[in-house]
């Protein structure tokens, strides 16, 4: 993320700006222990418009990751489509 915290939308926006000059699609990898739920809509808007593959390495609890990660599956298979809840 660009600063301390869990603002994945801001991190994704920065990654998009950095990769914008590249013609081909790339991969953006997020490693996080949480997600700012108040930014879910903003994140999904950016993610759905992205040409890049989005991958998540999420650290959860013995009971799995927060339910917020399920919402990320809505990105047309480009983010959160392979959620492994067996932590």
N, C-alpha and C. Protein backbone atom coordinates (compact mmCIF):
# COMPACT_ATOMS: atom_id res chain seq x y z
N UNK A 1 0.83 -1.16 0.00
CA UNK A 1 0.00 0.00 0.00
C UNK A 1 0.90 1.25 0.00
N UNK A 2 0.40 2.33 -0.47
CA UNK A 2 1.24 3.53 -0.55
C UNK A 2 1.61 4.12 0.81
N UNK A 3 0.80 3.83 1.82
CA UNK A 3 1.05 4.30 3.18
C UNK A 3 0.64 3.18 4.14
N UNK A 4 0.98 3.38 5.42
CA UNK A 4 0.50 2.42 6.41
C UNK A 4 -1.02 2.34 6.32
N UNK A 5 -1.54 1.17 6.48
CA UNK A 5 -2.98 1.00 6.44
C UNK A 5 -3.37 -0.09 5.47
N UNK A 6 -4.65 -0.09 5.10
CA UNK A 6 -5.18 -1.17 4.26
C UNK A 6 -5.92 -0.62 3.05
N UNK A 7 -5.45 0.47 2.49
CA UNK A 7 -6.12 1.10 1.36
C UNK A 7 -5.63 0.49 0.05
N UNK A 8 -6.16 -0.68 -0.26
CA UNK A 8 -5.76 -1.39 -1.48
C UNK A 8 -6.14 -0.61 -2.73
N UNK A 9 -7.21 0.18 -2.67
CA UNK A 9 -7.63 0.97 -3.84
C UNK A 9 -6.55 1.98 -4.21
N UNK A 10 -5.96 2.63 -3.22
CA UNK A 10 -4.88 3.59 -3.50
C UNK A 10 -3.65 2.87 -4.04
N UNK A 11 -3.33 1.71 -3.48
CA UNK A 11 -2.19 0.93 -3.97
C UNK A 11 -2.40 0.48 -5.41
N UNK A 12 -3.62 0.06 -5.72
CA UNK A 12 -3.93 -0.37 -7.09
C UNK A 12 -3.85 0.81 -8.05
N UNK A 13 -4.34 1.95 -7.65
CA UNK A 13 -4.28 3.14 -8.51
C UNK A 13 -2.83 3.50 -8.83
N UNK A 14 -1.95 3.41 -7.86
CA UNK A 14 -0.53 3.69 -8.09
C UNK A 14 0.07 2.66 -9.05
N UNK A 15 -0.22 1.39 -8.82
CA UNK A 15 0.30 0.34 -9.70
C UNK A 15 -0.19 0.54 -11.14
N UNK A 16 -1.45 0.91 -11.29
CA UNK A 16 -2.00 1.18 -12.63
C UNK A 16 -1.25 2.32 -13.31
N UNK A 17 -0.96 3.39 -12.57
CA UNK A 17 -0.22 4.52 -13.15
C UNK A 17 1.18 4.11 -13.58
N UNK A 18 1.85 3.32 -12.75
CA UNK A 18 3.21 2.88 -13.06
C UNK A 18 3.21 1.98 -14.30
N UNK A 19 2.23 1.09 -14.41
CA UNK A 19 2.19 0.12 -15.51
C UNK A 19 1.51 0.66 -16.77
N UNK A 20 0.91 1.83 -16.70
CA UNK A 20 0.17 2.40 -17.83
C UNK A 20 1.03 2.52 -19.09
N UNK A 21 2.31 2.83 -18.92
CA UNK A 21 3.18 3.03 -20.09
C UNK A 21 3.55 1.73 -20.79
N UNK A 22 3.35 0.58 -20.13
CA UNK A 22 3.64 -0.70 -20.75
C UNK A 22 2.48 -1.13 -21.65
N UNK A 23 2.80 -1.62 -22.84
CA UNK A 23 1.76 -2.04 -23.77
C UNK A 23 1.06 -3.32 -23.33
N UNK A 24 1.83 -4.26 -22.84
CA UNK A 24 1.26 -5.55 -22.47
C UNK A 24 0.64 -5.55 -21.09
N UNK A 25 -0.13 -6.58 -20.83
CA UNK A 25 -0.72 -6.74 -19.51
C UNK A 25 0.31 -7.33 -18.56
N UNK A 26 0.24 -6.93 -17.33
CA UNK A 26 1.14 -7.44 -16.32
C UNK A 26 0.37 -8.10 -15.19
N UNK A 27 1.05 -8.28 -14.08
CA UNK A 27 0.43 -8.87 -12.91
C UNK A 27 0.73 -7.98 -11.71
N UNK A 28 -0.30 -7.67 -10.96
CA UNK A 28 -0.17 -6.88 -9.73
C UNK A 28 -0.46 -7.83 -8.57
N UNK A 29 0.49 -7.93 -7.64
CA UNK A 29 0.35 -8.84 -6.52
C UNK A 29 0.15 -8.03 -5.24
N UNK A 30 -0.92 -8.33 -4.53
CA UNK A 30 -1.18 -7.73 -3.23
C UNK A 30 -0.87 -8.75 -2.16
N UNK A 31 -0.14 -8.33 -1.12
CA UNK A 31 0.12 -9.16 0.05
C UNK A 31 -0.40 -8.36 1.23
N UNK A 32 -1.38 -8.91 1.92
CA UNK A 32 -2.03 -8.13 2.96
C UNK A 32 -2.66 -9.00 4.03
N UNK A 33 -2.85 -8.41 5.19
CA UNK A 33 -3.57 -9.09 6.27
C UNK A 33 -4.95 -8.48 6.46
N UNK A 34 -5.35 -7.61 5.54
CA UNK A 34 -6.66 -7.00 5.68
C UNK A 34 -6.99 -6.09 4.52
N UNK A 35 -8.20 -5.59 4.54
CA UNK A 35 -8.71 -4.78 3.44
C UNK A 35 -9.65 -3.75 4.02
N UNK A 36 -9.50 -2.49 3.62
CA UNK A 36 -10.37 -1.42 4.09
C UNK A 36 -11.72 -1.55 3.40
N UNK A 37 -12.69 -2.10 4.11
CA UNK A 37 -14.00 -2.38 3.52
C UNK A 37 -14.69 -1.13 2.98
N UNK A 38 -14.38 0.03 3.53
CA UNK A 38 -15.02 1.26 3.05
C UNK A 38 -14.54 1.62 1.65
N UNK A 39 -13.48 0.99 1.18
CA UNK A 39 -12.92 1.27 -0.15
C UNK A 39 -13.22 0.17 -1.17
N UNK A 40 -14.08 -0.79 -0.82
CA UNK A 40 -14.35 -1.92 -1.71
C UNK A 40 -14.87 -1.47 -3.06
N UNK A 41 -15.85 -0.58 -3.09
CA UNK A 41 -16.42 -0.12 -4.36
C UNK A 41 -15.37 0.56 -5.23
N UNK A 42 -14.54 1.40 -4.61
CA UNK A 42 -13.47 2.09 -5.35
C UNK A 42 -12.48 1.08 -5.92
N UNK A 43 -12.10 0.09 -5.11
CA UNK A 43 -11.16 -0.93 -5.57
C UNK A 43 -11.75 -1.71 -6.74
N UNK A 44 -12.99 -2.15 -6.61
CA UNK A 44 -13.62 -2.93 -7.67
C UNK A 44 -13.74 -2.14 -8.96
N UNK A 45 -14.04 -0.85 -8.87
CA UNK A 45 -14.13 -0.01 -10.06
C UNK A 45 -12.80 0.02 -10.81
N UNK A 46 -11.71 0.21 -10.08
CA UNK A 46 -10.37 0.25 -10.69
C UNK A 46 -10.00 -1.13 -11.23
N UNK A 47 -10.27 -2.17 -10.44
CA UNK A 47 -9.88 -3.53 -10.82
C UNK A 47 -10.61 -4.00 -12.08
N UNK A 48 -11.88 -3.69 -12.19
CA UNK A 48 -12.65 -4.12 -13.36
C UNK A 48 -12.16 -3.45 -14.63
N UNK A 49 -11.61 -2.25 -14.53
CA UNK A 49 -11.11 -1.53 -15.70
C UNK A 49 -9.66 -1.91 -16.04
N UNK A 50 -9.02 -2.65 -15.17
CA UNK A 50 -7.61 -2.98 -15.36
C UNK A 50 -7.40 -4.05 -16.42
N UNK A 51 -6.32 -3.91 -17.18
CA UNK A 51 -5.94 -4.96 -18.13
C UNK A 51 -4.99 -5.96 -17.47
N UNK A 52 -4.60 -5.67 -16.24
CA UNK A 52 -3.62 -6.49 -15.53
C UNK A 52 -4.30 -7.56 -14.67
N UNK A 53 -3.61 -8.66 -14.50
CA UNK A 53 -4.07 -9.71 -13.61
C UNK A 53 -3.79 -9.26 -12.18
N UNK A 54 -4.76 -9.45 -11.30
CA UNK A 54 -4.58 -9.10 -9.90
C UNK A 54 -4.55 -10.38 -9.07
N UNK A 55 -3.50 -10.52 -8.28
CA UNK A 55 -3.35 -11.69 -7.42
C UNK A 55 -3.26 -11.22 -5.97
N UNK A 56 -3.80 -12.04 -5.07
CA UNK A 56 -3.78 -11.73 -3.64
C UNK A 56 -3.10 -12.84 -2.87
N UNK A 57 -2.21 -12.45 -1.98
CA UNK A 57 -1.67 -13.34 -0.97
C UNK A 57 -2.17 -12.75 0.34
N UNK A 58 -3.21 -13.34 0.88
CA UNK A 58 -3.85 -12.80 2.07
C UNK A 58 -3.53 -13.65 3.28
N UNK A 59 -3.18 -13.00 4.36
CA UNK A 59 -2.90 -13.69 5.60
C UNK A 59 -4.15 -13.59 6.46
N UNK A 60 -4.64 -14.73 6.90
CA UNK A 60 -5.86 -14.74 7.69
C UNK A 60 -5.66 -15.38 9.05
N UNK A 61 -6.74 -15.81 9.62
CA UNK A 61 -6.74 -16.46 10.92
C UNK A 61 -7.00 -17.95 10.73
N UNK A 62 -6.97 -18.73 11.79
CA UNK A 62 -7.30 -20.16 11.63
C UNK A 62 -8.71 -20.39 11.08
N UNK A 63 -9.56 -19.39 11.18
CA UNK A 63 -10.93 -19.49 10.66
C UNK A 63 -11.05 -18.98 9.24
N UNK A 64 -9.97 -18.63 8.61
CA UNK A 64 -10.01 -18.13 7.23
C UNK A 64 -9.78 -16.63 7.15
N UNK A 65 -9.98 -16.10 5.97
CA UNK A 65 -9.78 -14.68 5.74
C UNK A 65 -11.11 -13.96 5.94
N UNK A 66 -11.07 -12.65 6.11
CA UNK A 66 -12.31 -11.90 6.30
C UNK A 66 -13.26 -12.08 5.11
N UNK A 67 -14.55 -12.00 5.37
CA UNK A 67 -15.55 -12.15 4.32
C UNK A 67 -15.38 -11.14 3.21
N UNK A 68 -14.72 -10.02 3.46
CA UNK A 68 -14.50 -8.99 2.45
C UNK A 68 -13.85 -9.58 1.21
N UNK A 69 -12.98 -10.56 1.37
CA UNK A 69 -12.28 -11.13 0.23
C UNK A 69 -13.24 -11.78 -0.75
N UNK A 70 -14.38 -12.27 -0.26
CA UNK A 70 -15.37 -12.87 -1.16
C UNK A 70 -15.86 -11.85 -2.18
N UNK A 71 -16.00 -10.61 -1.75
CA UNK A 71 -16.48 -9.57 -2.65
C UNK A 71 -15.51 -9.35 -3.81
N UNK A 72 -14.26 -9.63 -3.61
CA UNK A 72 -13.27 -9.41 -4.65
C UNK A 72 -13.41 -10.39 -5.80
N UNK A 73 -14.18 -11.44 -5.60
CA UNK A 73 -14.41 -12.41 -6.68
C UNK A 73 -15.21 -11.79 -7.82
N UNK A 74 -15.82 -10.66 -7.59
CA UNK A 74 -16.66 -10.02 -8.60
C UNK A 74 -15.86 -9.35 -9.71
N UNK A 75 -14.56 -9.50 -9.72
CA UNK A 75 -13.70 -8.82 -10.69
C UNK A 75 -13.51 -9.62 -11.97
N UNK A 76 -14.52 -10.29 -12.43
CA UNK A 76 -14.44 -11.04 -13.68
C UNK A 76 -13.28 -12.03 -13.70
N UNK A 77 -12.98 -12.64 -12.59
CA UNK A 77 -11.93 -13.65 -12.53
C UNK A 77 -10.53 -13.08 -12.50
N UNK A 78 -10.37 -11.76 -12.40
CA UNK A 78 -9.04 -11.17 -12.39
C UNK A 78 -8.52 -10.88 -11.00
N UNK A 79 -9.38 -10.96 -10.00
CA UNK A 79 -8.89 -10.76 -8.64
C UNK A 79 -9.72 -11.59 -7.68
N UNK A 80 -9.08 -12.30 -6.81
CA UNK A 80 -9.77 -13.06 -5.80
C UNK A 80 -10.47 -14.30 -6.30
N UNK A 81 -10.19 -14.75 -7.51
CA UNK A 81 -10.91 -15.90 -8.02
C UNK A 81 -10.41 -17.22 -7.45
N UNK A 82 -9.25 -17.22 -6.85
CA UNK A 82 -8.71 -18.45 -6.29
C UNK A 82 -8.49 -18.27 -4.79
N UNK A 83 -9.56 -17.96 -4.09
CA UNK A 83 -9.46 -17.76 -2.65
C UNK A 83 -9.33 -19.11 -1.97
N UNK A 84 -8.27 -19.26 -1.22
CA UNK A 84 -8.03 -20.50 -0.45
C UNK A 84 -8.25 -20.15 1.00
N UNK A 85 -9.33 -20.61 1.57
CA UNK A 85 -9.70 -20.26 2.94
C UNK A 85 -9.15 -21.25 3.95
N UNK A 86 -8.15 -22.06 3.58
CA UNK A 86 -7.60 -23.07 4.49
C UNK A 86 -6.31 -22.57 5.14
N UNK A 87 -6.36 -21.54 5.90
CA UNK A 87 -5.16 -20.99 6.55
C UNK A 87 -4.92 -21.68 7.87
